Amino acid sequence: MNIQAHKTALYCATLAGLLVLSACGKNEQASNTTPTAPTSSAPATAAPVPARTAPAPAGSAPAPTSTAPAPAQTTGKSASVNGGEIKVAAVTIGSQVNAAHAISKEQRQFAPEDKDIYASVATTGTTDHATLNAKWSYIDGQDETFTSTTESIATDGPAITTFKVQNPNAWPKGKYKVVISLNGKAVASEGFEVHG
């Protein structure tokens, strides 16, 4: 084999190796990329995190696990959706979740430096396929939606699906809400506030 053929083979092998290496981790890069800071005061940098669904613990209600007095009832409304036997029983907002994906620290007021905000959606009933959606909005920013996350669920009893938003920067002060939809129909809305 002559030197030109060796060089061509070496270049081809190097190019193929580079292509393979450049493709490695593409999915990880896409999911870890954080948008740049917004020019408005809306929290456009908030990144949705995939929701998690877990069966509700047997014999327990989706309530906070703290020893503090129970807060006032949430404004989440139960709603059934035709074509399925599943309904949203409660929506809880907080800053921490337990191993069952339920909110372990319910709260309605957050500091700008709080990075994670969770919405825990408790459902009852059975379904082979239902779709839950959490649409997060900044109300003081002209009710501007800054992220929306959809999760497909299948359950044969009570379950908890938790949605999470993260903001690597400080949250803009103001009022926010999360609207929960079940199979495309809004069934609950919860408000919270960032102040400092």
C-alpha atoms as a PDB file:
ATOM      1  CA  MET A   1       0.000   0.000   0.000  1.00  0.00           C
ATOM      2  CA  ASN A   2       1.407   3.399  -0.873  1.00  0.00           C
ATOM      3  CA  ILE A   3       1.734   6.411   1.427  1.00  0.00           C
ATOM      4  CA  GLN A   4      -1.188   8.276  -0.204  1.00  0.00           C
ATOM      5  CA  ALA A   5      -3.565   5.367   0.515  1.00  0.00           C
ATOM      6  CA  HIS A   6      -2.329   5.220   4.133  1.00  0.00           C
ATOM      7  CA  LYS A   7      -2.967   8.952   4.575  1.00  0.00           C
ATOM      8  CA  THR A   8      -6.432   8.692   3.041  1.00  0.00           C
ATOM      9  CA  ALA A   9      -7.343   5.746   5.269  1.00  0.00           C
ATOM     10  CA  LEU A  10      -6.008   7.597   8.333  1.00  0.00           C
ATOM     11  CA  TYR A  11      -7.983  10.740   7.467  1.00  0.00           C
ATOM     12  CA  CYS A  12     -11.169   8.728   6.937  1.00  0.00           C
ATOM     13  CA  ALA A  13     -10.727   6.867  10.238  1.00  0.00           C
ATOM     14  CA  THR A  14     -10.033  10.144  12.069  1.00  0.00           C
ATOM     15  CA  LEU A  15     -13.080  11.818  10.519  1.00  0.00           C
ATOM     16  CA  ALA A  16     -15.308   8.859  11.393  1.00  0.00           C
ATOM     17  CA  GLY A  17     -14.001   8.898  14.969  1.00  0.00           C
ATOM     18  CA  LEU A  18     -14.657  12.625  15.293  1.00  0.00           C
ATOM     19  CA  LEU A  19     -18.202  12.223  13.980  1.00  0.00           C
ATOM     20  CA  VAL A  20     -18.907   9.452  16.477  1.00  0.00           C
ATOM     21  CA  LEU A  21     -17.440  11.461  19.358  1.00  0.00           C
ATOM     22  CA  SER A  22     -19.316  14.614  18.388  1.00  0.00           C
ATOM     23  CA  ALA A  23     -22.616  12.713  18.448  1.00  0.00           C
ATOM     24  CA  CYS A  24     -21.945  11.332  21.943  1.00  0.00           C
ATOM     25  CA  GLY A  25     -23.901  13.204  24.586  1.00  0.00           C
ATOM     26  CA  LYS A  26     -25.996  15.284  22.179  1.00  0.00           C
ATOM     27  CA  ASN A  27     -29.164  14.465  24.163  1.00  0.00           C
ATOM     28  CA  GLU A  28     -27.428  15.382  27.427  1.00  0.00           C
ATOM     29  CA  GLN A  29     -26.269  18.705  25.995  1.00  0.00           C
ATOM     30  CA  ALA A  30     -29.768  19.571  24.790  1.00  0.00           C
ATOM     31  CA  SER A  31     -31.361  18.810  28.150  1.00  0.00           C
ATOM     32  CA  ASN A  32     -28.694  20.650  30.153  1.00  0.00           C
ATOM     33  CA  THR A  33     -28.659  23.791  28.034  1.00  0.00           C
ATOM     34  CA  THR A  34     -30.029  26.772  29.925  1.00  0.00           C
ATOM     35  CA  PRO A  35     -31.382  29.750  27.994  1.00  0.00           C
ATOM     36  CA  THR A  36     -29.737  33.125  28.506  1.00  0.00           C
ATOM     37  CA  ALA A  37     -31.210  35.717  30.837  1.00  0.00           C
ATOM     38  CA  PRO A  38     -34.339  37.427  29.494  1.00  0.00           C
ATOM     39  CA  THR A  39     -34.492  41.122  28.697  1.00  0.00           C
ATOM     40  CA  SER A  40     -37.897  41.434  30.376  1.00  0.00           C
ATOM     41  CA  SER A  41     -38.673  40.724  34.005  1.00  0.00           C
ATOM     42  CA  ALA A  42     -40.423  37.448  33.132  1.00  0.00           C
ATOM     43  CA  PRO A  43     -38.689  34.267  34.283  1.00  0.00           C
ATOM     44  CA  ALA A  44     -37.943  33.029  30.776  1.00  0.00           C
ATOM     45  CA  THR A  45     -34.892  31.166  32.019  1.00  0.00           C
ATOM     46  CA  ALA A  46     -36.963  28.762  34.052  1.00  0.00           C
ATOM     47  CA  ALA A  47     -36.387  25.278  32.762  1.00  0.00           C
ATOM     48  CA  PRO A  48     -39.032  22.584  33.012  1.00  0.00           C
ATOM     49  CA  VAL A  49     -37.923  19.338  34.528  1.00  0.00           C
ATOM     50  CA  PRO A  50     -39.576  16.074  33.506  1.00  0.00           C
ATOM     51  CA  ALA A  51     -42.500  15.235  35.733  1.00  0.00           C
ATOM     52  CA  ARG A  52     -42.470  12.177  37.927  1.00  0.00           C
ATOM     53  CA  THR A  53     -45.478  10.006  38.697  1.00  0.00           C
ATOM     54  CA  ALA A  54     -45.620   7.700  41.670  1.00  0.00           C
ATOM     55  CA  PRO A  55     -48.461   5.745  43.239  1.00  0.00           C
ATOM     56  CA  ALA A  56     -49.872   7.449  46.293  1.00  0.00           C
ATOM     57  CA  PRO A  57     -49.010   5.700  49.538  1.00  0.00           C
ATOM     58  CA  ALA A  58     -51.779   3.318  50.592  1.00  0.00           C
ATOM     59  CA  GLY A  59     -54.249   4.818  53.040  1.00  0.00           C
ATOM     60  CA  SER A  60     -52.835   8.314  52.861  1.00  0.00           C
ATOM     61  CA  ALA A  61     -54.129  11.547  51.467  1.00  0.00           C
ATOM     62  CA  PRO A  62     -51.891  13.888  49.465  1.00  0.00           C
ATOM     63  CA  ALA A  63     -51.215  16.234  52.382  1.00  0.00           C
ATOM     64  CA  PRO A  64     -48.026  17.895  53.542  1.00  0.00           C
ATOM     65  CA  THR A  65     -45.894  15.800  55.867  1.00  0.00           C
ATOM     66  CA  SER A  66     -44.817  18.655  58.109  1.00  0.00           C
ATOM     67  CA  THR A  67     -45.811  18.869  61.758  1.00  0.00           C
ATOM     68  CA  ALA A  68     -46.964  22.455  61.364  1.00  0.00           C
ATOM     69  CA  PRO A  69     -50.697  23.168  61.437  1.00  0.00           C
ATOM     70  CA  ALA A  70     -52.384  22.290  58.173  1.00  0.00           C
ATOM     71  CA  PRO A  71     -52.608  25.270  55.810  1.00  0.00           C
ATOM     72  CA  ALA A  72     -55.878  26.463  54.387  1.00  0.00           C
ATOM     73  CA  GLN A  73     -57.332  24.208  51.712  1.00  0.00           C
ATOM     74  CA  THR A  74     -55.772  24.679  48.297  1.00  0.00           C
ATOM     75  CA  THR A  75     -57.733  26.250  45.505  1.00  0.00           C
ATOM     76  CA  GLY A  76     -57.199  23.218  43.272  1.00  0.00           C
ATOM     77  CA  LYS A  77     -60.527  21.926  42.074  1.00  0.00           C
ATOM     78  CA  SER A  78     -61.419  18.314  41.395  1.00  0.00           C
ATOM     79  CA  ALA A  79     -62.615  17.659  37.903  1.00  0.00           C
ATOM     80  CA  SER A  80     -63.466  14.568  35.918  1.00  0.00           C
ATOM     81  CA  VAL A  81     -62.803  14.280  32.240  1.00  0.00           C
ATOM     82  CA  ASN A  82     -65.159  12.332  30.018  1.00  0.00           C
ATOM     83  CA  GLY A  83     -63.733   9.198  28.461  1.00  0.00           C
ATOM     84  CA  GLY A  84     -61.714   8.260  31.516  1.00  0.00           C
ATOM     85  CA  GLU A  85     -62.155   7.462  35.141  1.00  0.00           C
ATOM     86  CA  ILE A  86     -59.414   9.723  36.434  1.00  0.00           C
ATOM     87  CA  LYS A  87     -59.665  13.084  38.140  1.00  0.00           C
ATOM     88  CA  VAL A  88     -57.343  15.588  39.739  1.00  0.00           C
ATOM     89  CA  ALA A  89     -57.947  15.490  43.490  1.00  0.00           C
ATOM     90  CA  ALA A  90     -55.491  18.177  44.628  1.00  0.00           C
ATOM     91  CA  VAL A  91     -52.634  20.389  43.503  1.00  0.00           C
ATOM     92  CA  THR A  92     -49.956  21.393  45.993  1.00  0.00           C
ATOM     93  CA  ILE A  93     -47.156  23.931  45.484  1.00  0.00           C
ATOM     94  CA  GLY A  94     -43.875  23.722  47.369  1.00  0.00           C
ATOM     95  CA  SER A  95     -40.116  23.752  47.358  1.00  0.00           C
ATOM     96  CA  GLN A  96     -39.340  20.157  48.355  1.00  0.00           C
ATOM     97  CA  VAL A  97     -40.669  16.687  47.528  1.00  0.00           C
ATOM     98  CA  ASN A  98     -40.381  13.362  49.336  1.00  0.00           C
ATOM     99  CA  ALA A  99     -39.533   9.929  47.917  1.00  0.00           C
ATOM    100  CA  ALA A 100     -43.169   9.445  46.818  1.00  0.00           C
ATOM    101  CA  HIS A 101     -42.902  12.671  44.750  1.00  0.00           C
ATOM    102  CA  ALA A 102     -45.401  14.465  47.017  1.00  0.00           C
ATOM    103  CA  ILE A 103     -44.698  17.966  48.289  1.00  0.00           C
ATOM    104  CA  SER A 104     -42.963  17.682  51.654  1.00  0.00           C
ATOM    105  CA  LYS A 105     -42.803  21.427  52.247  1.00  0.00           C
ATOM    106  CA  GLU A 106     -45.939  23.177  51.022  1.00  0.00           C
ATOM    107  CA  GLN A 107     -45.590  26.905  50.517  1.00  0.00           C
ATOM    108  CA  ARG A 108     -47.063  29.789  48.538  1.00  0.00           C
ATOM    109  CA  GLN A 109     -44.272  32.323  49.002  1.00  0.00           C
ATOM    110  CA  PHE A 110     -40.769  31.892  47.636  1.00  0.00           C
ATOM    111  CA  ALA A 111     -37.574  33.931  47.747  1.00  0.00           C
ATOM    112  CA  PRO A 112     -36.017  35.101  44.466  1.00  0.00           C
ATOM    113  CA  GLU A 113     -33.005  32.843  45.099  1.00  0.00           C
ATOM    114  CA  ASP A 114     -35.136  29.680  45.498  1.00  0.00           C
ATOM    115  CA  LYS A 115     -34.111  27.634  42.467  1.00  0.00           C
ATOM    116  CA  ASP A 116     -36.766  24.871  42.424  1.00  0.00           C
ATOM    117  CA  ILE A 117     -40.551  25.165  42.564  1.00  0.00           C
ATOM    118  CA  TYR A 118     -42.738  22.053  42.441  1.00  0.00           C
ATOM    119  CA  ALA A 119     -46.400  21.414  41.654  1.00  0.00           C
ATOM    120  CA  SER A 120     -47.580  18.049  42.940  1.00  0.00           C
ATOM    121  CA  VAL A 121     -50.769  16.765  41.293  1.00  0.00           C
ATOM    122  CA  ALA A 122     -52.707  14.061  43.136  1.00  0.00           C
ATOM    123  CA  THR A 123     -55.041  12.024  40.919  1.00  0.00           C
ATOM    124  CA  THR A 124     -57.625   9.392  41.734  1.00  0.00           C
ATOM    125  CA  GLY A 125     -59.182   6.763  39.514  1.00  0.00           C
ATOM    126  CA  THR A 126     -57.842   4.522  36.804  1.00  0.00           C
ATOM    127  CA  THR A 127     -56.605   5.142  33.288  1.00  0.00           C
ATOM    128  CA  ASP A 128     -54.520   3.400  30.655  1.00  0.00           C
ATOM    129  CA  HIS A 129     -53.516   6.739  29.180  1.00  0.00           C
ATOM    130  CA  ALA A 130     -54.118  10.272  30.414  1.00  0.00           C
ATOM    131  CA  THR A 131     -52.183  13.452  29.830  1.00  0.00           C
ATOM    132  CA  LEU A 132     -51.384  15.945  32.568  1.00  0.00           C
ATOM    133  CA  ASN A 133     -49.996  19.368  31.688  1.00  0.00           C
ATOM    134  CA  ALA A 134     -48.555  22.079  33.929  1.00  0.00           C
ATOM    135  CA  LYS A 135     -48.467  25.573  32.424  1.00  0.00           C
ATOM    136  CA  TRP A 136     -46.426  28.008  34.533  1.00  0.00           C
ATOM    137  CA  SER A 137     -47.183  31.736  34.140  1.00  0.00           C
ATOM    138  CA  TYR A 138     -45.814  35.007  35.467  1.00  0.00           C
ATOM    139  CA  ILE A 139     -48.965  36.989  36.254  1.00  0.00           C
ATOM    140  CA  ASP A 140     -47.192  40.306  36.901  1.00  0.00           C
ATOM    141  CA  GLY A 141     -45.612  39.914  33.459  1.00  0.00           C
ATOM    142  CA  GLN A 142     -49.007  40.280  31.706  1.00  0.00           C
ATOM    143  CA  ASP A 143     -49.866  36.642  32.506  1.00  0.00           C
ATOM    144  CA  GLU A 144     -46.907  35.502  30.411  1.00  0.00           C
ATOM    145  CA  THR A 145     -46.444  31.712  30.177  1.00  0.00           C
ATOM    146  CA  PHE A 146     -42.779  30.860  30.678  1.00  0.00           C
ATOM    147  CA  THR A 147     -42.917  27.070  30.481  1.00  0.00           C
ATOM    148  CA  SER A 148     -45.303  24.200  29.885  1.00  0.00           C
ATOM    149  CA  THR A 149     -44.640  20.530  30.628  1.00  0.00           C
ATOM    150  CA  THR A 150     -46.783  17.548  29.611  1.00  0.00           C
ATOM    151  CA  GLU A 151     -46.657  14.080  31.144  1.00  0.00           C
ATOM    152  CA  SER A 152     -48.512  10.931  30.063  1.00  0.00           C
ATOM    153  CA  ILE A 153     -49.703   8.779  32.937  1.00  0.00           C
ATOM    154  CA  ALA A 154     -51.249   5.347  33.391  1.00  0.00           C
ATOM    155  CA  THR A 155     -52.500   4.334  36.822  1.00  0.00           C
ATOM    156  CA  ASP A 156     -54.866   1.904  38.484  1.00  0.00           C
ATOM    157  CA  GLY A 157     -55.437   3.967  41.619  1.00  0.00           C
ATOM    158  CA  PRO A 158     -54.364   7.124  43.415  1.00  0.00           C
ATOM    159  CA  ALA A 159     -51.141   8.582  42.024  1.00  0.00           C
ATOM    160  CA  ILE A 160     -48.999  11.676  42.389  1.00  0.00           C
ATOM    161  CA  THR A 161     -47.360  13.422  39.439  1.00  0.00           C
ATOM    162  CA  THR A 162     -44.872  16.160  40.263  1.00  0.00           C
ATOM    163  CA  PHE A 163     -43.856  18.971  37.927  1.00  0.00           C
ATOM    164  CA  LYS A 164     -40.764  21.070  38.589  1.00  0.00           C
ATOM    165  CA  VAL A 165     -39.426  24.356  37.247  1.00  0.00           C
ATOM    166  CA  GLN A 166     -35.922  25.603  37.871  1.00  0.00           C
ATOM    167  CA  ASN A 167     -34.465  29.042  37.431  1.00  0.00           C
ATOM    168  CA  PRO A 168     -30.661  29.289  37.545  1.00  0.00           C
ATOM    169  CA  ASN A 169     -31.033  33.048  38.058  1.00  0.00           C
ATOM    170  CA  ALA A 170     -33.093  34.899  40.649  1.00  0.00           C
ATOM    171  CA  TRP A 171     -36.858  34.668  40.120  1.00  0.00           C
ATOM    172  CA  PRO A 172     -38.409  38.067  39.341  1.00  0.00           C
ATOM    173  CA  LYS A 173     -40.535  39.271  42.233  1.00  0.00           C
ATOM    174  CA  GLY A 174     -44.268  39.075  41.663  1.00  0.00           C
ATOM    175  CA  LYS A 175     -47.239  36.769  41.354  1.00  0.00           C
ATOM    176  CA  TYR A 176     -47.203  33.464  39.483  1.00  0.00           C
ATOM    177  CA  LYS A 177     -49.598  30.625  38.782  1.00  0.00           C
ATOM    178  CA  VAL A 178     -49.558  27.078  37.514  1.00  0.00           C
ATOM    179  CA  VAL A 179     -52.542  25.759  35.558  1.00  0.00           C
ATOM    180  CA  ILE A 180     -53.011  21.988  35.533  1.00  0.00           C
ATOM    181  CA  SER A 181     -54.807  20.414  32.575  1.00  0.00           C
ATOM    182  CA  LEU A 182     -56.064  16.848  32.335  1.00  0.00           C
ATOM    183  CA  ASN A 183     -56.452  15.526  28.783  1.00  0.00           C
ATOM    184  CA  GLY A 184     -56.373  19.079  27.411  1.00  0.00           C
ATOM    185  CA  LYS A 185     -58.954  20.540  29.821  1.00  0.00           C
ATOM    186  CA  ALA A 186     -57.851  22.980  32.551  1.00  0.00           C
ATOM    187  CA  VAL A 187     -58.934  21.467  35.873  1.00  0.00           C
ATOM    188  CA  ALA A 188     -56.979  23.376  38.548  1.00  0.00           C
ATOM    189  CA  SER A 189     -55.030  26.577  39.038  1.00  0.00           C
ATOM    190  CA  GLU A 190     -52.707  27.429  41.919  1.00  0.00           C
ATOM    191  CA  GLY A 191     -51.100  30.769  42.652  1.00  0.00           C
ATOM    192  CA  PHE A 192     -47.839  31.569  44.406  1.00  0.00           C
ATOM    193  CA  GLU A 193     -45.649  34.606  44.948  1.00  0.00           C
ATOM    194  CA  VAL A 194     -41.968  35.483  44.838  1.00  0.00           C
ATOM    195  CA  HIS A 195     -40.926  38.288  47.157  1.00  0.00           C
ATOM    196  CA  GLY A 196     -37.845  39.175  49.092  1.00  0.00           C
END
